[in-house]
Amino acid sequence: LTYNTLNNTNQNTLSFKYIKTVQELETIVLTSKKPIMIDFWATWCTSCLEFDKITFQDKEVQKKLEKYTLLKVDVT
């Protein structure tokens, strides 16, 4: 599954791989050719929502994160 930070038509939205299990995370860590950034996210987390709506929509942030394997873990 791919998790887009916003459900809109913004073509520059970052795509995060949604991680559901520790095994899935371990596999990605062992096989990724790029550095990994993990976003721990929750529906009740105000800062998480701000990251999604503001930070991850910033074009400079998006450009820098292109170099990373982006993972998202929902800890709701």
PDB file of N, CA and C in Angstrom:
ATOM      1  N   LEU A   1       0.836  -1.194   0.000  1.00  0.00           N
ATOM      2  CA  LEU A   1       0.000   0.000   0.000  1.00  0.00           C
ATOM      3  C   LEU A   1       0.870   1.243   0.000  1.00  0.00           C
ATOM      4  N   THR A   2       0.456   2.236  -0.714  1.00  0.00           N
ATOM      5  CA  THR A   2       1.154   3.511  -0.700  1.00  0.00           C
ATOM      6  C   THR A   2       0.268   4.522  -0.010  1.00  0.00           C
ATOM      7  N   TYR A   3       0.843   5.269   0.881  1.00  0.00           N
ATOM      8  CA  TYR A   3       0.102   6.282   1.605  1.00  0.00           C
ATOM      9  C   TYR A   3       0.536   7.639   1.083  1.00  0.00           C
ATOM     10  N   ASN A   4      -0.353   8.399   0.505  1.00  0.00           N
ATOM     11  CA  ASN A   4      -0.049   9.757   0.070  1.00  0.00           C
ATOM     12  C   ASN A   4      -0.391  10.699   1.208  1.00  0.00           C
ATOM     13  N   THR A   5       0.494  11.657   1.445  1.00  0.00           N
ATOM     14  CA  THR A   5       0.338  12.522   2.603  1.00  0.00           C
ATOM     15  C   THR A   5      -0.962  13.307   2.598  1.00  0.00           C
ATOM     16  N   LEU A   6      -1.482  13.620   1.437  1.00  0.00           N
ATOM     17  CA  LEU A   6      -2.790  14.254   1.353  1.00  0.00           C
ATOM     18  C   LEU A   6      -3.572  13.574   0.248  1.00  0.00           C
ATOM     19  N   ASN A   7      -4.834  13.429   0.443  1.00  0.00           N
ATOM     20  CA  ASN A   7      -5.670  12.833  -0.599  1.00  0.00           C
ATOM     21  C   ASN A   7      -6.196  13.939  -1.501  1.00  0.00           C
ATOM     22  N   ASN A   8      -5.274  14.504  -2.281  1.00  0.00           N
ATOM     23  CA  ASN A   8      -5.674  15.536  -3.228  1.00  0.00           C
ATOM     24  C   ASN A   8      -4.983  15.272  -4.556  1.00  0.00           C
ATOM     25  N   THR A   9      -5.081  16.203  -5.470  1.00  0.00           N
ATOM     26  CA  THR A   9      -4.511  15.988  -6.793  1.00  0.00           C
ATOM     27  C   THR A   9      -3.138  16.613  -6.948  1.00  0.00           C
ATOM     28  N   ASN A  10      -2.519  17.013  -5.869  1.00  0.00           N
ATOM     29  CA  ASN A  10      -1.177  17.588  -5.917  1.00  0.00           C
ATOM     30  C   ASN A  10      -0.209  16.560  -6.484  1.00  0.00           C
ATOM     31  N   GLN A  11       0.372  16.848  -7.657  1.00  0.00           N
ATOM     32  CA  GLN A  11       1.247  15.875  -8.304  1.00  0.00           C
ATOM     33  C   GLN A  11       2.547  15.678  -7.552  1.00  0.00           C
ATOM     34  N   ASN A  12       2.920  16.619  -6.702  1.00  0.00           N
ATOM     35  CA  ASN A  12       4.183  16.528  -5.986  1.00  0.00           C
ATOM     36  C   ASN A  12       4.044  15.923  -4.600  1.00  0.00           C
ATOM     37  N   THR A  13       2.931  15.299  -4.321  1.00  0.00           N
ATOM     38  CA  THR A  13       2.728  14.685  -3.021  1.00  0.00           C
ATOM     39  C   THR A  13       3.690  13.521  -2.849  1.00  0.00           C
ATOM     40  N   LEU A  14       4.316  13.458  -1.695  1.00  0.00           N
ATOM     41  CA  LEU A  14       5.245  12.367  -1.402  1.00  0.00           C
ATOM     42  C   LEU A  14       4.490  11.055  -1.237  1.00  0.00           C
ATOM     43  N   SER A  15       5.110   9.987  -1.652  1.00  0.00           N
ATOM     44  CA  SER A  15       4.519   8.662  -1.472  1.00  0.00           C
ATOM     45  C   SER A  15       5.285   7.912  -0.397  1.00  0.00           C
ATOM     46  N   PHE A  16       4.577   7.562   0.645  1.00  0.00           N
ATOM     47  CA  PHE A  16       5.147   6.789   1.732  1.00  0.00           C
ATOM     48  C   PHE A  16       4.674   5.344   1.612  1.00  0.00           C
ATOM     49  N   LYS A  17       5.540   4.422   1.892  1.00  0.00           N
ATOM     50  CA  LYS A  17       5.164   3.008   1.975  1.00  0.00           C
ATOM     51  C   LYS A  17       4.626   2.799   3.381  1.00  0.00           C
ATOM     52  N   TYR A  18       3.399   2.330   3.462  1.00  0.00           N
ATOM     53  CA  TYR A  18       2.748   2.111   4.748  1.00  0.00           C
ATOM     54  C   TYR A  18       3.197   0.761   5.316  1.00  0.00           C
ATOM     55  N   ILE A  19       3.862   0.775   6.453  1.00  0.00           N
ATOM     56  CA  ILE A  19       4.409  -0.434   7.068  1.00  0.00           C
ATOM     57  C   ILE A  19       3.427  -0.974   8.106  1.00  0.00           C
ATOM     58  N   LYS A  20       3.115  -2.272   7.979  1.00  0.00           N
ATOM     59  CA  LYS A  20       2.160  -2.887   8.910  1.00  0.00           C
ATOM     60  C   LYS A  20       2.804  -3.851   9.898  1.00  0.00           C
ATOM     61  N   THR A  21       3.961  -4.410   9.553  1.00  0.00           N
ATOM     62  CA  THR A  21       4.580  -5.406  10.436  1.00  0.00           C
ATOM     63  C   THR A  21       6.069  -5.125  10.602  1.00  0.00           C
ATOM     64  N   VAL A  22       6.620  -5.636  11.678  1.00  0.00           N
ATOM     65  CA  VAL A  22       8.060  -5.518  11.923  1.00  0.00           C
ATOM     66  C   VAL A  22       8.824  -6.271  10.833  1.00  0.00           C
ATOM     67  N   GLN A  23       8.321  -7.396  10.424  1.00  0.00           N
ATOM     68  CA  GLN A  23       8.971  -8.179   9.370  1.00  0.00           C
ATOM     69  C   GLN A  23       9.054  -7.377   8.063  1.00  0.00           C
ATOM     70  N   GLU A  24       7.980  -6.692   7.726  1.00  0.00           N
ATOM     71  CA  GLU A  24       7.973  -5.862   6.522  1.00  0.00           C
ATOM     72  C   GLU A  24       9.015  -4.747   6.635  1.00  0.00           C
ATOM     73  N   LEU A  25       9.097  -4.135   7.797  1.00  0.00           N
ATOM     74  CA  LEU A  25      10.088  -3.087   8.036  1.00  0.00           C
ATOM     75  C   LEU A  25      11.508  -3.632   7.902  1.00  0.00           C
ATOM     76  N   GLU A  26      11.759  -4.778   8.516  1.00  0.00           N
ATOM     77  CA  GLU A  26      13.099  -5.390   8.453  1.00  0.00           C
ATOM     78  C   GLU A  26      13.503  -5.688   7.017  1.00  0.00           C
ATOM     79  N   THR A  27      12.580  -6.190   6.228  1.00  0.00           N
ATOM     80  CA  THR A  27      12.862  -6.506   4.829  1.00  0.00           C
ATOM     81  C   THR A  27      13.246  -5.243   4.060  1.00  0.00           C
ATOM     82  N   ILE A  28      12.508  -4.182   4.261  1.00  0.00           N
ATOM     83  CA  ILE A  28      12.796  -2.929   3.559  1.00  0.00           C
ATOM     84  C   ILE A  28      14.137  -2.363   4.008  1.00  0.00           C
ATOM     85  N   VAL A  29      14.412  -2.411   5.289  1.00  0.00           N
ATOM     86  CA  VAL A  29      15.682  -1.903   5.799  1.00  0.00           C
ATOM     87  C   VAL A  29      16.852  -2.671   5.183  1.00  0.00           C
ATOM     88  N   LEU A  30      16.705  -3.968   5.051  1.00  0.00           N
ATOM     89  CA  LEU A  30      17.784  -4.789   4.492  1.00  0.00           C
ATOM     90  C   LEU A  30      17.954  -4.623   2.984  1.00  0.00           C
ATOM     91  N   THR A  31      16.906  -4.241   2.278  1.00  0.00           N
ATOM     92  CA  THR A  31      16.967  -4.200   0.815  1.00  0.00           C
ATOM     93  C   THR A  31      16.986  -2.800   0.211  1.00  0.00           C
ATOM     94  N   SER A  32      16.724  -1.781   0.991  1.00  0.00           N
ATOM     95  CA  SER A  32      16.666  -0.426   0.449  1.00  0.00           C
ATOM     96  C   SER A  32      18.040   0.028  -0.017  1.00  0.00           C
ATOM     97  N   LYS A  33      18.063   0.626  -1.176  1.00  0.00           N
ATOM     98  CA  LYS A  33      19.299   1.179  -1.737  1.00  0.00           C
ATOM     99  C   LYS A  33      19.506   2.633  -1.299  1.00  0.00           C
ATOM    100  N   LYS A  34      18.485   3.195  -0.673  1.00  0.00           N
ATOM    101  CA  LYS A  34      18.540   4.593  -0.253  1.00  0.00           C
ATOM    102  C   LYS A  34      18.437   4.665   1.273  1.00  0.00           C
ATOM    103  N   PRO A  35      18.838   5.798   1.855  1.00  0.00           N
ATOM    104  CA  PRO A  35      18.576   6.011   3.282  1.00  0.00           C
ATOM    105  C   PRO A  35      17.071   5.939   3.531  1.00  0.00           C
ATOM    106  N   ILE A  36      16.685   5.635   4.744  1.00  0.00           N
ATOM    107  CA  ILE A  36      15.268   5.457   5.086  1.00  0.00           C
ATOM    108  C   ILE A  36      14.823   6.533   6.060  1.00  0.00           C
ATOM    109  N   MET A  37      13.637   7.074   5.802  1.00  0.00           N
ATOM    110  CA  MET A  37      13.011   7.992   6.739  1.00  0.00           C
ATOM    111  C   MET A  37      11.684   7.365   7.151  1.00  0.00           C
ATOM    112  N   ILE A  38      11.501   7.213   8.460  1.00  0.00           N
ATOM    113  CA  ILE A  38      10.260   6.625   8.975  1.00  0.00           C
ATOM    114  C   ILE A  38       9.442   7.717   9.647  1.00  0.00           C
ATOM    115  N   ASP A  39       8.199   7.835   9.223  1.00  0.00           N
ATOM    116  CA  ASP A  39       7.264   8.783   9.808  1.00  0.00           C
ATOM    117  C   ASP A  39       6.298   7.992  10.683  1.00  0.00           C
ATOM    118  N   PHE A  40       6.429   8.153  12.001  1.00  0.00           N
ATOM    119  CA  PHE A  40       5.475   7.531  12.926  1.00  0.00           C
ATOM    120  C   PHE A  40       4.297   8.480  13.016  1.00  0.00           C
ATOM    121  N   TRP A  41       3.100   7.978  12.689  1.00  0.00           N
ATOM    122  CA  TRP A  41       1.926   8.808  12.481  1.00  0.00           C
ATOM    123  C   TRP A  41       0.744   8.272  13.282  1.00  0.00           C
ATOM    124  N   ALA A  42      -0.138   9.184  13.705  1.00  0.00           N
ATOM    125  CA  ALA A  42      -1.363   8.776  14.395  1.00  0.00           C
ATOM    126  C   ALA A  42      -2.468   9.789  14.095  1.00  0.00           C
ATOM    127  N   THR A  43      -3.697   9.311  14.056  1.00  0.00           N
ATOM    128  CA  THR A  43      -4.824  10.187  13.748  1.00  0.00           C
ATOM    129  C   THR A  43      -5.026  11.270  14.811  1.00  0.00           C
ATOM    130  N   TRP A  44      -4.644  10.995  16.035  1.00  0.00           N
ATOM    131  CA  TRP A  44      -4.831  11.942  17.133  1.00  0.00           C
ATOM    132  C   TRP A  44      -3.659  12.919  17.276  1.00  0.00           C
ATOM    133  N   CYS A  45      -2.632  12.764  16.479  1.00  0.00           N
ATOM    134  CA  CYS A  45      -1.395  13.540  16.620  1.00  0.00           C
ATOM    135  C   CYS A  45      -1.467  14.829  15.805  1.00  0.00           C
ATOM    136  N   THR A  46      -1.568  15.955  16.484  1.00  0.00           N
ATOM    137  CA  THR A  46      -1.655  17.251  15.822  1.00  0.00           C
ATOM    138  C   THR A  46      -0.408  17.537  14.994  1.00  0.00           C
ATOM    139  N   SER A  47       0.754  17.238  15.533  1.00  0.00           N
ATOM    140  CA  SER A  47       2.002  17.471  14.799  1.00  0.00           C
ATOM    141  C   SER A  47       2.069  16.627  13.537  1.00  0.00           C
ATOM    142  N   CYS A  48       1.570  15.404  13.609  1.00  0.00           N
ATOM    143  CA  CYS A  48       1.559  14.527  12.429  1.00  0.00           C
ATOM    144  C   CYS A  48       0.716  15.131  11.318  1.00  0.00           C
ATOM    145  N   LEU A  49      -0.428  15.651  11.678  1.00  0.00           N
ATOM    146  CA  LEU A  49      -1.315  16.272  10.697  1.00  0.00           C
ATOM    147  C   LEU A  49      -0.668  17.515  10.086  1.00  0.00           C
ATOM    148  N   GLU A  50       0.051  18.283  10.913  1.00  0.00           N
ATOM    149  CA  GLU A  50       0.769  19.455  10.408  1.00  0.00           C
ATOM    150  C   GLU A  50       1.863  19.036   9.431  1.00  0.00           C
ATOM    151  N   PHE A  51       2.593  17.968   9.758  1.00  0.00           N
ATOM    152  CA  PHE A  51       3.613  17.467   8.828  1.00  0.00           C
ATOM    153  C   PHE A  51       2.969  17.137   7.491  1.00  0.00           C
ATOM    154  N   ASP A  52       1.848  16.428   7.520  1.00  0.00           N
ATOM    155  CA  ASP A  52       1.175  16.020   6.288  1.00  0.00           C
ATOM    156  C   ASP A  52       0.670  17.218   5.485  1.00  0.00           C
ATOM    157  N   LYS A  53       0.060  18.174   6.164  1.00  0.00           N
ATOM    158  CA  LYS A  53      -0.586  19.279   5.464  1.00  0.00           C
ATOM    159  C   LYS A  53       0.351  20.430   5.115  1.00  0.00           C
ATOM    160  N   ILE A  54       1.446  20.568   5.869  1.00  0.00           N
ATOM    161  CA  ILE A  54       2.334  21.715   5.646  1.00  0.00           C
ATOM    162  C   ILE A  54       3.736  21.261   5.222  1.00  0.00           C
ATOM    163  N   THR A  55       4.420  20.583   6.110  1.00  0.00           N
ATOM    164  CA  THR A  55       5.831  20.242   5.873  1.00  0.00           C
ATOM    165  C   THR A  55       6.020  19.381   4.637  1.00  0.00           C
ATOM    166  N   PHE A  56       5.275  18.283   4.526  1.00  0.00           N
ATOM    167  CA  PHE A  56       5.454  17.366   3.406  1.00  0.00           C
ATOM    168  C   PHE A  56       4.906  17.920   2.095  1.00  0.00           C
ATOM    169  N   GLN A  57       4.212  19.053   2.132  1.00  0.00           N
ATOM    170  CA  GLN A  57       3.731  19.700   0.916  1.00  0.00           C
ATOM    171  C   GLN A  57       4.713  20.759   0.406  1.00  0.00           C
ATOM    172  N   ASP A  58       5.706  21.086   1.213  1.00  0.00           N
ATOM    173  CA  ASP A  58       6.708  22.070   0.827  1.00  0.00           C
ATOM    174  C   ASP A  58       7.602  21.496  -0.268  1.00  0.00           C
ATOM    175  N   LYS A  59       7.754  22.217  -1.354  1.00  0.00           N
ATOM    176  CA  LYS A  59       8.507  21.713  -2.505  1.00  0.00           C
ATOM    177  C   LYS A  59       9.983  21.452  -2.164  1.00  0.00           C
ATOM    178  N   GLU A  60      10.582  22.266  -1.292  1.00  0.00           N
ATOM    179  CA  GLU A  60      11.983  22.043  -0.895  1.00  0.00           C
ATOM    180  C   GLU A  60      12.113  20.762  -0.080  1.00  0.00           C
ATOM    181  N   VAL A  61      11.165  20.528   0.803  1.00  0.00           N
ATOM    182  CA  VAL A  61      11.158  19.304   1.601  1.00  0.00           C
ATOM    183  C   VAL A  61      10.983  18.101   0.677  1.00  0.00           C
ATOM    184  N   GLN A  62      10.057  18.196  -0.250  1.00  0.00           N
ATOM    185  CA  GLN A  62       9.817  17.104  -1.191  1.00  0.00           C
ATOM    186  C   GLN A  62      11.077  16.786  -1.992  1.00  0.00           C
ATOM    187  N   LYS A  63      11.774  17.817  -2.431  1.00  0.00           N
ATOM    188  CA  LYS A  63      12.991  17.609  -3.211  1.00  0.00           C
ATOM    189  C   LYS A  63      14.054  16.876  -2.388  1.00  0.00           C
ATOM    190  N   LYS A  64      14.222  17.279  -1.149  1.00  0.00           N
ATOM    191  CA  LYS A  64      15.218  16.624  -0.285  1.00  0.00           C
ATOM    192  C   LYS A  64      14.832  15.181   0.028  1.00  0.00           C
ATOM    193  N   LEU A  65      13.537  14.921   0.192  1.00  0.00           N
ATOM    194  CA  LEU A  65      13.095  13.574   0.545  1.00  0.00           C
ATOM    195  C   LEU A  65      13.058  12.612  -0.640  1.00  0.00           C
ATOM    196  N   GLU A  66      13.240  13.116  -1.851  1.00  0.00           N
ATOM    197  CA  GLU A  66      13.304  12.236  -3.020  1.00  0.00           C
ATOM    198  C   GLU A  66      14.434  11.222  -2.906  1.00  0.00           C
ATOM    199  N   LYS A  67      15.443  11.552  -2.125  1.00  0.00           N
ATOM    200  CA  LYS A  67      16.627  10.705  -1.972  1.00  0.00           C
ATOM    201  C   LYS A  67      16.424   9.593  -0.945  1.00  0.00           C
ATOM    202  N   TYR A  68      15.248   9.535  -0.334  1.00  0.00           N
ATOM    203  CA  TYR A  68      14.986   8.591   0.747  1.00  0.00           C
ATOM    204  C   TYR A  68      13.903   7.588   0.381  1.00  0.00           C
ATOM    205  N   THR A  69      13.978   6.438   0.992  1.00  0.00           N
ATOM    206  CA  THR A  69      12.857   5.505   1.018  1.00  0.00           C
ATOM    207  C   THR A  69      11.968   6.001   2.137  1.00  0.00           C
ATOM    208  N   LEU A  70      10.725   6.343   1.821  1.00  0.00           N
ATOM    209  CA  LEU A  70       9.816   6.936   2.801  1.00  0.00           C
ATOM    210  C   LEU A  70       8.860   5.887   3.332  1.00  0.00           C
ATOM    211  N   LEU A  71       8.888   5.707   4.639  1.00  0.00           N
ATOM    212  CA  LEU A  71       8.030   4.726   5.298  1.00  0.00           C
ATOM    213  C   LEU A  71       7.140   5.445   6.292  1.00  0.00           C
ATOM    214  N   LYS A  72       5.930   4.925   6.471  1.00  0.00           N
ATOM    215  CA  LYS A  72       4.986   5.493   7.432  1.00  0.00           C
ATOM    216  C   LYS A  72       4.445   4.361   8.293  1.00  0.00           C
ATOM    217  N   VAL A  73       4.464   4.597   9.601  1.00  0.00           N
ATOM    218  CA  VAL A  73       3.939   3.628  10.553  1.00  0.00           C
ATOM    219  C   VAL A  73       2.804   4.304  11.316  1.00  0.00           C
ATOM    220  N   ASP A  74       1.607   3.740  11.209  1.00  0.00           N
ATOM    221  CA  ASP A  74       0.445   4.295  11.910  1.00  0.00           C
ATOM    222  C   ASP A  74       0.391   3.684  13.312  1.00  0.00           C
ATOM    223  N   VAL A  75       0.560   4.545  14.318  1.00  0.00           N
ATOM    224  CA  VAL A  75       0.558   4.090  15.709  1.00  0.00           C
ATOM    225  C   VAL A  75      -0.705   4.551  16.437  1.00  0.00           C
ATOM    226  N   THR A  76      -1.761   4.772  15.663  1.00  0.00           N
ATOM    227  CA  THR A  76      -3.015   5.251  16.235  1.00  0.00           C
ATOM    228  C   THR A  76      -3.532   4.306  17.316  1.00  0.00           C
TER     229      THR A  76
END
